[in-house]
C-alpha atoms as a PDB file:
ATOM      1  CA  MET A   1       7.077   1.088  -0.091  1.00  0.00           C
ATOM      2  CA  GLY A   2       9.496  -0.169  -2.752  1.00  0.00           C
ATOM      3  CA  LEU A   3       8.150   0.042  -6.284  1.00  0.00           C
ATOM      4  CA  GLN A   4       9.452  -1.708  -9.399  1.00  0.00           C
ATOM      5  CA  LEU A   5       8.394  -0.114 -12.661  1.00  0.00           C
ATOM      6  CA  PRO A   6       6.989  -2.725 -15.032  1.00  0.00           C
ATOM      7  CA  GLU A   7       8.510  -4.418 -18.003  1.00  0.00           C
ATOM      8  CA  ALA A   8       6.228  -3.264 -20.795  1.00  0.00           C
ATOM      9  CA  GLY A   9       6.371  -2.226 -24.405  1.00  0.00           C
ATOM     10  CA  HIS A  10       6.855   1.379 -25.492  1.00  0.00           C
ATOM     11  CA  HIS A  11       3.464   3.037 -25.160  1.00  0.00           C
ATOM     12  CA  GLN A  12       3.327   6.801 -24.808  1.00  0.00           C
ATOM     13  CA  GLY A  13      -0.423   6.618 -24.290  1.00  0.00           C
ATOM     14  CA  ASN A  14       0.508   5.673 -20.729  1.00  0.00           C
ATOM     15  CA  LYS A  15       2.397   8.931 -20.240  1.00  0.00           C
ATOM     16  CA  ARG A  16       3.206   9.468 -16.579  1.00  0.00           C
ATOM     17  CA  ARG A  17       4.643  12.579 -15.036  1.00  0.00           C
ATOM     18  CA  LEU A  18       7.684  12.382 -12.766  1.00  0.00           C
ATOM     19  CA  ARG A  19       8.904  15.324 -10.709  1.00  0.00           C
ATOM     20  CA  VAL A  20      12.518  16.370 -10.221  1.00  0.00           C
ATOM     21  CA  ILE A  21      13.046  17.892  -6.778  1.00  0.00           C
ATOM     22  CA  SER A  22      15.982  18.959  -4.628  1.00  0.00           C
ATOM     23  CA  VAL A  23      16.353  17.582  -1.093  1.00  0.00           C
ATOM     24  CA  GLY A  24      19.290  18.805   0.961  1.00  0.00           C
ATOM     25  CA  GLY A  25      21.063  19.954  -2.173  1.00  0.00           C
ATOM     26  CA  GLU A  26      20.633  16.550  -3.886  1.00  0.00           C
ATOM     27  CA  ARG A  27      18.275  16.068  -6.820  1.00  0.00           C
ATOM     28  CA  ARG A  28      15.780  13.235  -6.754  1.00  0.00           C
ATOM     29  CA  VAL A  29      13.027  11.848  -8.928  1.00  0.00           C
ATOM     30  CA  VAL A  30       9.602  11.446  -7.341  1.00  0.00           C
ATOM     31  CA  LEU A  31       6.465   9.790  -8.670  1.00  0.00           C
ATOM     32  CA  PRO A  32       2.965  11.083  -7.771  1.00  0.00           C
ATOM     33  CA  TRP A  33       1.026   8.125  -6.359  1.00  0.00           C
ATOM     34  CA  GLY A  34      -2.539   8.192  -5.082  1.00  0.00           C
ATOM     35  CA  GLY A  35      -2.326  11.509  -3.262  1.00  0.00           C
ATOM     36  CA  SER A  36       1.210  10.850  -2.045  1.00  0.00           C
ATOM     37  CA  GLU A  37       4.635  10.700  -3.678  1.00  0.00           C
ATOM     38  CA  LEU A  38       7.195   7.934  -4.031  1.00  0.00           C
ATOM     39  CA  VAL A  39      10.855   8.884  -3.816  1.00  0.00           C
ATOM     40  CA  SER A  40      13.505   7.272  -6.013  1.00  0.00           C
ATOM     41  CA  LEU A  41      16.082   5.155  -4.221  1.00  0.00           C
ATOM     42  CA  GLU A  42      19.276   7.119  -3.690  1.00  0.00           C
ATOM     43  CA  SER A  43      21.639   4.215  -4.362  1.00  0.00           C
ATOM     44  CA  GLN A  44      20.582   3.455  -7.919  1.00  0.00           C
ATOM     45  CA  GLN A  45      23.150   4.184 -10.630  1.00  0.00           C
ATOM     46  CA  ASP A  46      20.365   4.315 -13.214  1.00  0.00           C
ATOM     47  CA  ARG A  47      18.757   7.213 -11.379  1.00  0.00           C
ATOM     48  CA  SER A  48      22.092   9.064 -11.355  1.00  0.00           C
ATOM     49  CA  ARG A  49      22.531   8.584 -15.105  1.00  0.00           C
ATOM     50  CA  LEU A  50      19.002   9.837 -15.738  1.00  0.00           C
ATOM     51  CA  LEU A  51      19.553  12.955 -13.639  1.00  0.00           C
ATOM     52  CA  SER A  52      22.910  13.572 -15.317  1.00  0.00           C
ATOM     53  CA  TRP A  53      21.098  13.544 -18.648  1.00  0.00           C
ATOM     54  CA  VAL A  54      18.494  15.989 -17.290  1.00  0.00           C
ATOM     55  CA  SER A  55      21.335  18.324 -16.254  1.00  0.00           C
ATOM     56  CA  SER A  56      22.871  18.123 -19.734  1.00  0.00           C
ATOM     57  CA  VAL A  57      19.523  19.077 -21.307  1.00  0.00           C
ATOM     58  CA  GLU A  58      19.240  21.998 -18.890  1.00  0.00           C
ATOM     59  CA  ASP A  59      22.716  23.218 -19.836  1.00  0.00           C
ATOM     60  CA  ALA A  60      22.076  22.872 -23.560  1.00  0.00           C
ATOM     61  CA  HIS A  61      18.749  24.735 -23.462  1.00  0.00           C
ATOM     62  CA  GLN A  62      19.475  27.109 -20.561  1.00  0.00           C
ATOM     63  CA  VAL A  63      16.353  26.026 -18.644  1.00  0.00           C
ATOM     64  CA  LYS A  64      15.535  24.422 -15.301  1.00  0.00           C
ATOM     65  CA  ILE A  65      13.677  21.114 -15.595  1.00  0.00           C
ATOM     66  CA  ASP A  66      11.391  20.063 -12.758  1.00  0.00           C
ATOM     67  CA  GLU A  67       9.306  17.514 -14.673  1.00  0.00           C
ATOM     68  CA  LEU A  68      10.084  14.576 -16.909  1.00  0.00           C
ATOM     69  CA  TYR A  69       7.882  11.902 -18.401  1.00  0.00           C
ATOM     70  CA  TRP A  70       7.854   8.136 -18.660  1.00  0.00           C
ATOM     71  CA  ASP A  71       5.917   5.837 -20.986  1.00  0.00           C
ATOM     72  CA  GLY A  72       5.271   3.020 -18.533  1.00  0.00           C
ATOM     73  CA  ALA A  73       8.246   1.020 -19.782  1.00  0.00           C
ATOM     74  CA  SER A  74      11.848   2.094 -20.431  1.00  0.00           C
ATOM     75  CA  THR A  75      11.444   5.393 -22.269  1.00  0.00           C
ATOM     76  CA  TYR A  76      11.888   8.760 -20.549  1.00  0.00           C
ATOM     77  CA  TRP A  77      11.716  12.262 -22.005  1.00  0.00           C
ATOM     78  CA  VAL A  78      11.341  15.955 -21.218  1.00  0.00           C
ATOM     79  CA  GLU A  79       9.059  18.393 -22.993  1.00  0.00           C
ATOM     80  CA  LEU A  80      10.392  21.833 -23.923  1.00  0.00           C
ATOM     81  CA  ASN A  81       8.385  24.295 -26.032  1.00  0.00           C
ATOM     82  CA  GLY A  82       6.210  21.506 -27.409  1.00  0.00           C
ATOM     83  CA  GLU A  83       9.193  19.336 -28.337  1.00  0.00           C
ATOM     84  CA  ARG A  84       9.986  15.949 -26.800  1.00  0.00           C
ATOM     85  CA  ILE A  85      13.634  15.285 -26.015  1.00  0.00           C
ATOM     86  CA  PHE A  86      14.175  11.576 -25.295  1.00  0.00           C
ATOM     87  CA  TYR A  87      16.720   9.964 -23.039  1.00  0.00           C
ATOM     88  CA  PRO A  88      19.035   8.167 -25.490  1.00  0.00           C
ATOM     89  CA  GLY A  89      19.135   4.393 -25.576  1.00  0.00           C
ATOM     90  CA  GLY A  90      16.374   3.669 -23.095  1.00  0.00           C
ATOM     91  CA  GLN A  91      16.550   3.571 -19.334  1.00  0.00           C
ATOM     92  CA  PRO A  92      16.184   0.588 -16.981  1.00  0.00           C
ATOM     93  CA  ALA A  93      13.308   0.837 -14.525  1.00  0.00           C
ATOM     94  CA  LEU A  94      13.851   2.913 -11.429  1.00  0.00           C
ATOM     95  CA  CYS A  95      12.769   1.769  -7.972  1.00  0.00           C
ATOM     96  CA  PHE A  96      10.857   4.002  -5.590  1.00  0.00           C
ATOM     97  CA  ARG A  97       9.930   3.947  -1.919  1.00  0.00           C
ATOM     98  CA  CYS A  98       7.233   5.637   0.097  1.00  0.00           C
ATOM     99  CA  ALA A  99       8.428   8.769   1.882  1.00  0.00           C
ATOM    100  CA  GLY A 100       6.019   8.306   4.798  1.00  0.00           C
ATOM    101  CA  THR A 101       4.734   4.934   6.017  1.00  0.00           C
ATOM    102  CA  PRO A 102       2.045   3.853   8.475  1.00  0.00           C
ATOM    103  CA  GLY A 103       2.840   3.083  12.076  1.00  0.00           C
ATOM    104  CA  GLY A 104       4.843   6.193  12.927  1.00  0.00           C
ATOM    105  CA  PRO A 105       4.375   8.290  16.076  1.00  0.00           C
ATOM    106  CA  GLU A 106       2.536  11.106  14.308  1.00  0.00           C
ATOM    107  CA  PRO A 107      -1.296  11.196  14.274  1.00  0.00           C
ATOM    108  CA  PHE A 108      -3.193   9.416  11.522  1.00  0.00           C
ATOM    109  CA  THR A 109      -3.215  11.524   8.368  1.00  0.00           C
ATOM    110  CA  PHE A 110      -5.043  10.942   5.096  1.00  0.00           C
ATOM    111  CA  ILE A 111      -4.421  12.472   1.676  1.00  0.00           C
ATOM    112  CA  PRO A 112      -7.198  11.759  -0.841  1.00  0.00           C
ATOM    113  CA  ALA A 113      -6.308  10.644  -4.348  1.00  0.00           C
ATOM    114  CA  PRO A 114      -7.181  13.004  -7.200  1.00  0.00           C
ATOM    115  CA  ARG A 115     -10.547  12.350  -8.818  1.00  0.00           C
ATOM    116  CA  PRO A 116     -11.643  10.444 -10.740  1.00  0.00           C
ATOM    117  CA  PHE A 117     -10.203   7.831  -8.424  1.00  0.00           C
ATOM    118  CA  PRO A 118      -7.805   5.510 -10.293  1.00  0.00           C
ATOM    119  CA  ARG A 119      -8.740   1.866 -10.579  1.00  0.00           C
ATOM    120  CA  TRP A 120      -6.868  -0.488  -8.288  1.00  0.00           C
ATOM    121  CA  LEU A 121      -5.695  -3.726  -9.888  1.00  0.00           C
ATOM    122  CA  GLY A 122      -3.276  -4.652  -7.133  1.00  0.00           C
ATOM    123  CA  PRO A 123      -3.571  -6.757  -3.982  1.00  0.00           C
ATOM    124  CA  TYR A 124      -7.064  -6.932  -2.579  1.00  0.00           C
ATOM    125  CA  THR A 125      -7.382  -9.801  -0.143  1.00  0.00           C
ATOM    126  CA  PRO A 126      -9.370  -8.574   2.863  1.00  0.00           C
ATOM    127  CA  ALA A 127     -10.628 -10.998   5.473  1.00  0.00           C
ATOM    128  CA  ARG A 128     -13.914 -12.595   4.527  1.00  0.00           C
ATOM    129  CA  GLY A 129     -17.158 -11.800   6.339  1.00  0.00           C
ATOM    130  CA  THR A 130     -19.562  -8.941   6.957  1.00  0.00           C
ATOM    131  CA  THR A 131     -17.929  -7.798  10.202  1.00  0.00           C
ATOM    132  CA  THR A 132     -14.294  -7.876   9.096  1.00  0.00           C
ATOM    133  CA  GLY A 133     -11.986  -5.110   7.989  1.00  0.00           C
ATOM    134  CA  VAL A 134     -12.244  -1.374   8.531  1.00  0.00           C
ATOM    135  CA  ARG A 135     -15.773  -0.200   7.781  1.00  0.00           C
ATOM    136  CA  MET A 136     -18.440   2.367   8.561  1.00  0.00           C
ATOM    137  CA  PHE A 137     -20.892   1.717  11.397  1.00  0.00           C
ATOM    138  CA  GLN A 138     -23.320   4.264  12.833  1.00  0.00           C
ATOM    139  CA  GLY A 139     -21.394   7.113  11.271  1.00  0.00           C
ATOM    140  CA  ARG A 140     -17.980   6.057  12.624  1.00  0.00           C
ATOM    141  CA  LEU A 141     -15.053   4.383  10.907  1.00  0.00           C
ATOM    142  CA  GLY A 142     -13.576   1.425  12.767  1.00  0.00           C
ATOM    143  CA  ALA A 143     -13.441  -2.356  13.126  1.00  0.00           C
ATOM    144  CA  TRP A 144     -15.311  -5.104  14.974  1.00  0.00           C
ATOM    145  CA  HIS A 145     -13.580  -7.034  17.739  1.00  0.00           C
ATOM    146  CA  HIS A 146     -15.337  -9.748  19.779  1.00  0.00           C
ATOM    147  CA  TRP A 147     -18.746  -8.394  18.746  1.00  0.00           C
ATOM    148  CA  GLN A 148     -17.854  -4.871  19.819  1.00  0.00           C
ATOM    149  CA  PHE A 149     -17.272  -2.060  17.364  1.00  0.00           C
ATOM    150  CA  TRP A 150     -13.993  -0.228  17.997  1.00  0.00           C
ATOM    151  CA  PRO A 151     -14.036   3.121  16.154  1.00  0.00           C
ATOM    152  CA  LEU A 152     -10.807   4.723  15.004  1.00  0.00           C
ATOM    153  CA  LEU A 153      -9.804   7.551  17.307  1.00  0.00           C
ATOM    154  CA  GLU A 154     -11.018  10.727  15.631  1.00  0.00           C
ATOM    155  CA  THR A 155      -8.291  12.884  14.078  1.00  0.00           C
ATOM    156  CA  PRO A 156      -8.514  15.306  11.149  1.00  0.00           C
ATOM    157  CA  GLY A 157      -7.178  12.486   8.954  1.00  0.00           C
ATOM    158  CA  VAL A 158      -9.734   9.938  10.160  1.00  0.00           C
ATOM    159  CA  ARG A 159     -12.483  12.530   9.733  1.00  0.00           C
ATOM    160  CA  ALA A 160     -11.383  13.289   6.167  1.00  0.00           C
ATOM    161  CA  LEU A 161     -11.366   9.581   5.276  1.00  0.00           C
ATOM    162  CA  ARG A 162     -14.729   8.973   6.937  1.00  0.00           C
ATOM    163  CA  GLU A 163     -16.341  11.932   5.179  1.00  0.00           C
ATOM    164  CA  LEU A 164     -14.969  10.848   1.813  1.00  0.00           C
ATOM    165  CA  VAL A 165     -16.335   7.311   2.199  1.00  0.00           C
ATOM    166  CA  SER A 166     -19.707   8.638   3.383  1.00  0.00           C
ATOM    167  CA  THR A 167     -19.987  11.233   0.612  1.00  0.00           C
ATOM    168  CA  PHE A 168     -19.172   8.970  -2.318  1.00  0.00           C
ATOM    169  CA  TRP A 169     -20.489   5.580  -1.179  1.00  0.00           C
ATOM    170  CA  GLY A 170     -22.623   6.159   1.914  1.00  0.00           C
ATOM    171  CA  GLY A 171     -20.457   3.756   3.922  1.00  0.00           C
ATOM    172  CA  GLY A 172     -19.087   0.272   3.366  1.00  0.00           C
ATOM    173  CA  ARG A 173     -15.647  -1.181   3.956  1.00  0.00           C
ATOM    174  CA  ILE A 174     -12.154  -0.043   3.022  1.00  0.00           C
ATOM    175  CA  LEU A 175      -8.795  -1.793   2.962  1.00  0.00           C
ATOM    176  CA  LEU A 176      -5.817  -0.130   4.637  1.00  0.00           C
ATOM    177  CA  LEU A 177      -2.831  -1.633   2.845  1.00  0.00           C
ATOM    178  CA  PRO A 178       0.331  -2.058   4.935  1.00  0.00           C
ATOM    179  CA  TRP A 179       2.309   0.492   2.906  1.00  0.00           C
ATOM    180  CA  GLY A 180      -0.322   3.240   3.227  1.00  0.00           C
ATOM    181  CA  ASP A 181      -2.662   2.971   0.241  1.00  0.00           C
ATOM    182  CA  VAL A 182      -6.405   3.035   0.934  1.00  0.00           C
ATOM    183  CA  VAL A 183      -8.546   0.920  -1.403  1.00  0.00           C
ATOM    184  CA  LYS A 184     -12.356   0.995  -1.685  1.00  0.00           C
ATOM    185  CA  PRO A 185     -14.396  -1.754  -3.363  1.00  0.00           C
ATOM    186  CA  LEU A 186     -17.146  -0.339  -5.568  1.00  0.00           C
ATOM    187  CA  GLN A 187     -20.645  -1.278  -4.484  1.00  0.00           C
ATOM    188  CA  ASP A 188     -22.940  -0.955  -7.512  1.00  0.00           C
ATOM    189  CA  ASP A 189     -24.057  -4.154  -9.200  1.00  0.00           C
ATOM    190  CA  GLN A 190     -22.300  -3.244 -12.474  1.00  0.00           C
ATOM    191  CA  ASP A 191     -19.037  -2.663 -10.571  1.00  0.00           C
ATOM    192  CA  ILE A 192     -18.755  -6.005  -8.767  1.00  0.00           C
ATOM    193  CA  GLY A 193     -15.103  -6.898  -8.317  1.00  0.00           C
ATOM    194  CA  LYS A 194     -13.841  -3.408  -9.137  1.00  0.00           C
ATOM    195  CA  ARG A 195     -11.852  -1.299  -6.663  1.00  0.00           C
ATOM    196  CA  VAL A 196     -10.420   2.187  -6.625  1.00  0.00           C
ATOM    197  CA  LEU A 197      -7.500   3.822  -4.861  1.00  0.00           C
ATOM    198  CA  ILE A 198      -9.011   6.625  -2.778  1.00  0.00           C
ATOM    199  CA  GLY A 199      -5.888   7.961  -1.076  1.00  0.00           C
ATOM    200  CA  HIS A 200      -2.888   7.392   1.137  1.00  0.00           C
ATOM    201  CA  TYR A 201      -2.576   7.293   4.917  1.00  0.00           C
ATOM    202  CA  SER A 202       0.346   7.553   7.311  1.00  0.00           C
ATOM    203  CA  GLY A 203       0.842   7.807  11.040  1.00  0.00           C
ATOM    204  CA  SER A 204      -0.494   5.763  13.924  1.00  0.00           C
ATOM    205  CA  ILE A 205      -3.600   3.560  13.854  1.00  0.00           C
ATOM    206  CA  VAL A 206      -5.460   4.083  17.143  1.00  0.00           C
ATOM    207  CA  PHE A 207      -8.715   2.328  18.060  1.00  0.00           C
ATOM    208  CA  ASP A 208     -11.008   3.953  20.612  1.00  0.00           C
ATOM    209  CA  ARG A 209     -11.965   0.950  22.733  1.00  0.00           C
ATOM    210  CA  PRO A 210     -15.500   1.125  24.189  1.00  0.00           C
ATOM    211  CA  GLU A 211     -14.077   0.065  27.549  1.00  0.00           C
ATOM    212  CA  GLY A 212     -10.590   1.159  28.525  1.00  0.00           C
ATOM    213  CA  ARG A 213      -7.980   3.442  27.037  1.00  0.00           C
ATOM    214  CA  PRO A 214      -7.315   3.741  23.286  1.00  0.00           C
ATOM    215  CA  LEU A 215      -5.257   1.001  21.632  1.00  0.00           C
ATOM    216  CA  GLU A 216      -2.488   1.949  19.194  1.00  0.00           C
ATOM    217  CA  LEU A 217      -1.332  -0.792  16.831  1.00  0.00           C
ATOM    218  CA  GLY A 218       2.305  -1.660  17.403  1.00  0.00           C
ATOM    219  CA  VAL A 219       2.532   0.337  20.653  1.00  0.00           C
ATOM    220  CA  ASP A 220      -0.220  -0.929  22.946  1.00  0.00           C
ATOM    221  CA  THR A 221      -0.204  -4.371  21.323  1.00  0.00           C
ATOM    222  CA  PRO A 222       2.324  -7.226  21.692  1.00  0.00           C
ATOM    223  CA  THR A 223       4.955  -7.720  19.014  1.00  0.00           C
ATOM    224  CA  ASP A 224       6.733 -10.835  20.363  1.00  0.00           C
ATOM    225  CA  PRO A 225       6.199 -13.913  18.151  1.00  0.00           C
ATOM    226  CA  GLY A 226       3.664 -16.298  19.659  1.00  0.00           C
ATOM    227  CA  ALA A 227       2.107 -13.705  21.981  1.00  0.00           C
ATOM    228  CA  PRO A 228      -1.712 -13.444  22.037  1.00  0.00           C
ATOM    229  CA  TRP A 229      -3.038 -10.548  19.960  1.00  0.00           C
ATOM    230  CA  ASP A 230      -5.873  -8.714  21.685  1.00  0.00           C
ATOM    231  CA  GLY A 231      -7.117  -6.326  19.062  1.00  0.00           C
ATOM    232  CA  PRO A 232      -8.723  -6.297  15.607  1.00  0.00           C
ATOM    233  CA  HIS A 233      -6.801  -8.897  13.619  1.00  0.00           C
ATOM    234  CA  HIS A 234      -8.688  -8.768  10.310  1.00  0.00           C
ATOM    235  CA  VAL A 235      -8.062  -5.163   9.235  1.00  0.00           C
ATOM    236  CA  GLY A 236      -5.142  -5.796   6.887  1.00  0.00           C
ATOM    237  CA  LEU A 237      -4.112  -7.828   3.880  1.00  0.00           C
ATOM    238  CA  GLU A 238      -4.698 -11.577   3.991  1.00  0.00           C
ATOM    239  CA  CYS A 239      -1.696 -13.628   2.790  1.00  0.00           C
ATOM    240  CA  THR A 240      -0.235 -17.091   3.025  1.00  0.00           C
ATOM    241  CA  ILE A 241       3.121 -17.865   4.597  1.00  0.00           C
ATOM    242  CA  ASP A 242       5.300 -20.804   3.571  1.00  0.00           C
ATOM    243  CA  PRO A 243       8.109 -22.596   5.474  1.00  0.00           C
ATOM    244  CA  THR A 244      10.680 -20.044   4.247  1.00  0.00           C
ATOM    245  CA  GLY A 245       8.760 -17.111   5.695  1.00  0.00           C
ATOM    246  CA  THR A 246       7.630 -15.899   2.262  1.00  0.00           C
ATOM    247  CA  LEU A 247       4.327 -14.003   2.219  1.00  0.00           C
ATOM    248  CA  ALA A 248       2.180 -14.264  -0.914  1.00  0.00           C
ATOM    249  CA  CYS A 249      -1.295 -13.051  -1.777  1.00  0.00           C
ATOM    250  CA  THR A 250      -3.710 -14.002  -4.548  1.00  0.00           C
ATOM    251  CA  TRP A 251      -6.555 -11.855  -5.810  1.00  0.00           C
ATOM    252  CA  TYR A 252      -8.950 -11.561  -8.740  1.00  0.00           C
ATOM    253  CA  HIS A 253     -10.332  -8.708 -10.801  1.00  0.00           C
ATOM    254  CA  PRO A 254     -12.759  -8.488 -13.741  1.00  0.00           C
ATOM    255  CA  SER A 255     -11.303  -8.786 -17.231  1.00  0.00           C
ATOM    256  CA  ARG A 256     -12.633  -8.963 -20.761  1.00  0.00           C
ATOM    257  CA  LEU A 257     -12.699 -12.765 -20.544  1.00  0.00           C
ATOM    258  CA  GLY A 258     -14.293 -12.958 -17.097  1.00  0.00           C
ATOM    259  CA  TRP A 259     -11.940 -12.902 -14.124  1.00  0.00           C
ATOM    260  CA  SER A 260      -8.167 -12.676 -13.978  1.00  0.00           C
ATOM    261  CA  GLY A 261      -6.216 -14.128 -11.080  1.00  0.00           C
ATOM    262  CA  VAL A 262      -2.929 -12.677  -9.836  1.00  0.00           C
ATOM    263  CA  ARG A 263      -0.490 -14.162  -7.357  1.00  0.00           C
ATOM    264  CA  HIS A 264       2.235 -11.946  -5.923  1.00  0.00           C
ATOM    265  CA  ARG A 265       5.121 -12.481  -3.535  1.00  0.00           C
ATOM    266  CA  LEU A 266       4.690  -9.681  -1.032  1.00  0.00           C
ATOM    267  CA  TRP A 267       7.637 -10.390   1.261  1.00  0.00           C
ATOM    268  CA  GLY A 268      10.489 -12.772   1.924  1.00  0.00           C
ATOM    269  CA  PRO A 269      11.956 -15.255   2.263  1.00  0.00           C
ATOM    270  CA  ASP A 270      12.285 -14.206   5.912  1.00  0.00           C
ATOM    271  CA  SER A 271      13.702 -16.734   8.388  1.00  0.00           C
ATOM    272  CA  ALA A 272      12.644 -14.637  11.406  1.00  0.00           C
ATOM    273  CA  LEU A 273       9.066 -14.570  10.175  1.00  0.00           C
ATOM    274  CA  ALA A 274       9.156 -18.337   9.578  1.00  0.00           C
ATOM    275  CA  ARG A 275      10.356 -18.902  13.156  1.00  0.00           C
ATOM    276  CA  GLY A 276       7.650 -16.584  14.452  1.00  0.00           C
ATOM    277  CA  PHE A 277       4.955 -18.534  12.619  1.00  0.00           C
ATOM    278  CA  ARG A 278       6.215 -21.838  14.033  1.00  0.00           C
ATOM    279  CA  LYS A 279       6.181 -20.308  17.511  1.00  0.00           C
ATOM    280  CA  ALA A 280       2.608 -19.136  17.046  1.00  0.00           C
ATOM    281  CA  ARG A 281       1.511 -22.428  15.429  1.00  0.00           C
ATOM    282  CA  PRO A 282       4.065 -25.113  16.399  1.00  0.00           C
ATOM    283  CA  TYR A 283       2.460 -27.891  14.376  1.00  0.00           C
ATOM    284  CA  HIS A 284       2.169 -25.981  11.097  1.00  0.00           C
ATOM    285  CA  SER A 285       4.822 -25.011   8.558  1.00  0.00           C
ATOM    286  CA  GLY A 286       2.576 -22.603   6.671  1.00  0.00           C
ATOM    287  CA  GLY A 287      -0.888 -21.120   6.648  1.00  0.00           C
ATOM    288  CA  ARG A 288      -2.954 -17.978   6.502  1.00  0.00           C
ATOM    289  CA  VAL A 289      -1.793 -14.693   8.065  1.00  0.00           C
ATOM    290  CA  HIS A 290      -2.895 -11.070   8.087  1.00  0.00           C
ATOM    291  CA  VAL A 291      -0.499  -8.187   7.473  1.00  0.00           C
ATOM    292  CA  LEU A 292      -1.890  -5.270   9.462  1.00  0.00           C
ATOM    293  CA  PRO A 293      -1.296  -1.555   8.891  1.00  0.00           C
ATOM    294  CA  GLY A 294       2.256  -0.785   9.927  1.00  0.00           C
ATOM    295  CA  GLY A 295       3.496  -4.279   9.053  1.00  0.00           C
ATOM    296  CA  ILE A 296       2.449  -6.375  12.071  1.00  0.00           C
ATOM    297  CA  VAL A 297       1.758  -9.987  11.012  1.00  0.00           C
ATOM    298  CA  VAL A 298      -0.756 -12.123  12.939  1.00  0.00           C
ATOM    299  CA  THR A 299      -2.318 -15.550  12.458  1.00  0.00           C
ATOM    300  CA  MET A 300      -5.277 -17.412  13.906  1.00  0.00           C
ATOM    301  CA  VAL A 301      -4.769 -20.428  16.187  1.00  0.00           C
ATOM    302  CA  GLN A 302      -7.493 -22.887  17.147  1.00  0.00           C
ATOM    303  CA  ARG A 303      -7.938 -23.472  20.879  1.00  0.00           C
ATOM    304  CA  GLY A 304     -10.640 -26.060  21.390  1.00  0.00           C
ATOM    305  CA  ALA A 305     -13.802 -24.761  19.786  1.00  0.00           C
ATOM    306  CA  ASN A 306     -12.453 -21.205  19.607  1.00  0.00           C
ATOM    307  CA  TRP A 307      -9.930 -19.316  17.546  1.00  0.00           C
ATOM    308  CA  GLU A 308      -7.523 -16.707  18.858  1.00  0.00           C
ATOM    309  CA  ALA A 309      -5.044 -14.404  17.154  1.00  0.00           C
ATOM    310  CA  ARG A 310      -1.298 -14.766  17.750  1.00  0.00           C
ATOM    311  CA  VAL A 311       1.608 -12.550  16.720  1.00  0.00           C
ATOM    312  CA  VAL A 312       3.903 -13.887  13.986  1.00  0.00           C
ATOM    313  CA  GLY A 313       6.253 -10.922  13.676  1.00  0.00           C
ATOM    314  CA  ARG A 314       6.655  -7.636  11.889  1.00  0.00           C
ATOM    315  CA  ILE A 315       7.812  -6.525   8.454  1.00  0.00           C
ATOM    316  CA  ASP A 316       8.888  -3.121   7.151  1.00  0.00           C
ATOM    317  CA  PRO A 317       6.160  -1.750   4.839  1.00  0.00           C
ATOM    318  CA  ALA A 318       8.667   0.649   3.262  1.00  0.00           C
ATOM    319  CA  GLN A 319      10.487  -2.358   1.767  1.00  0.00           C
ATOM    320  CA  ILE A 320       7.441  -3.984   0.165  1.00  0.00           C
ATOM    321  CA  GLU A 321       7.811  -4.075  -3.619  1.00  0.00           C
ATOM    322  CA  ILE A 322       4.719  -3.274  -5.657  1.00  0.00           C
ATOM    323  CA  LYS A 323       4.094  -2.687  -9.334  1.00  0.00           C
ATOM    324  CA  ILE A 324       2.945   0.568 -10.804  1.00  0.00           C
ATOM    325  CA  GLY A 325       0.736  -1.456 -13.173  1.00  0.00           C
ATOM    326  CA  TRP A 326      -1.599  -1.948 -10.221  1.00  0.00           C
ATOM    327  CA  LEU A 327      -2.934   1.558 -10.902  1.00  0.00           C
ATOM    328  CA  ALA A 328      -5.094   2.192 -13.966  1.00  0.00           C
ATOM    329  CA  GLU A 329      -7.092   5.114 -15.240  1.00  0.00           C
ATOM    330  CA  ALA A 330     -10.663   5.365 -13.954  1.00  0.00           C
END
């Protein structure tokens, strides 16, 4: 998951902690994020300058620094003995990526976010309807497909997620974002339109089909553009695709003046994705798609009186750029 820190004014009330770690003898900056961590991109010169400054502070004060702080904009500092030492001249925003993304060969794992769960102001565009998305049903977590409920294959990670949803909300739906964040809409009347980030998942998504062997997204499902998709198609993020292969999503959240709308370019332009959409829907240059966990993109095609899902292509969730402003304090 690529992350671009926001352009915002200096505001130390938004103090965020960054960690300085060593990986293979190289120092990196990581950002705690919803129970997981985002790793700074190795190629950025700005990151190198920031770490060089950290080393100079360590030499001057004869200490080892493993934490630094950021104000939500362009100001960074360290804290030593109650004193703040600021990076001189400001620092352009770093970019980060997710260290572990969904769709890998390892079993599904889930790391809950620290409580109180932070508010989620980012993309929230699940498929519409009462039988769409990943949700609880008869004590299991899964998704509906052709009027059958396909539970997620039970792993310690699935169990931890299921128990968290049951304990705090008694059930309901969740949204598994392609890059690994898990978002839960709040259900009380006074919280309509509000969502929280409840954790981060990684690993394979496996549905336990009522009839037949388990189905793993991206492994037991087709990935060729235009191929029929025989599995839950409404469990991801709903977007639109345009003729250039650009994916965009629009969502709303409560604000002081009512509702605020946000439109965000999630991916692209991507010529391969555009070709895949035209292969799936030859007579359309754009339309609605779903980005599933792990980055598989599908769309719905009308066949007579029925609709069926077709594969559009696949994107790399680790390269999706998001904004840290999508997280807010509870």
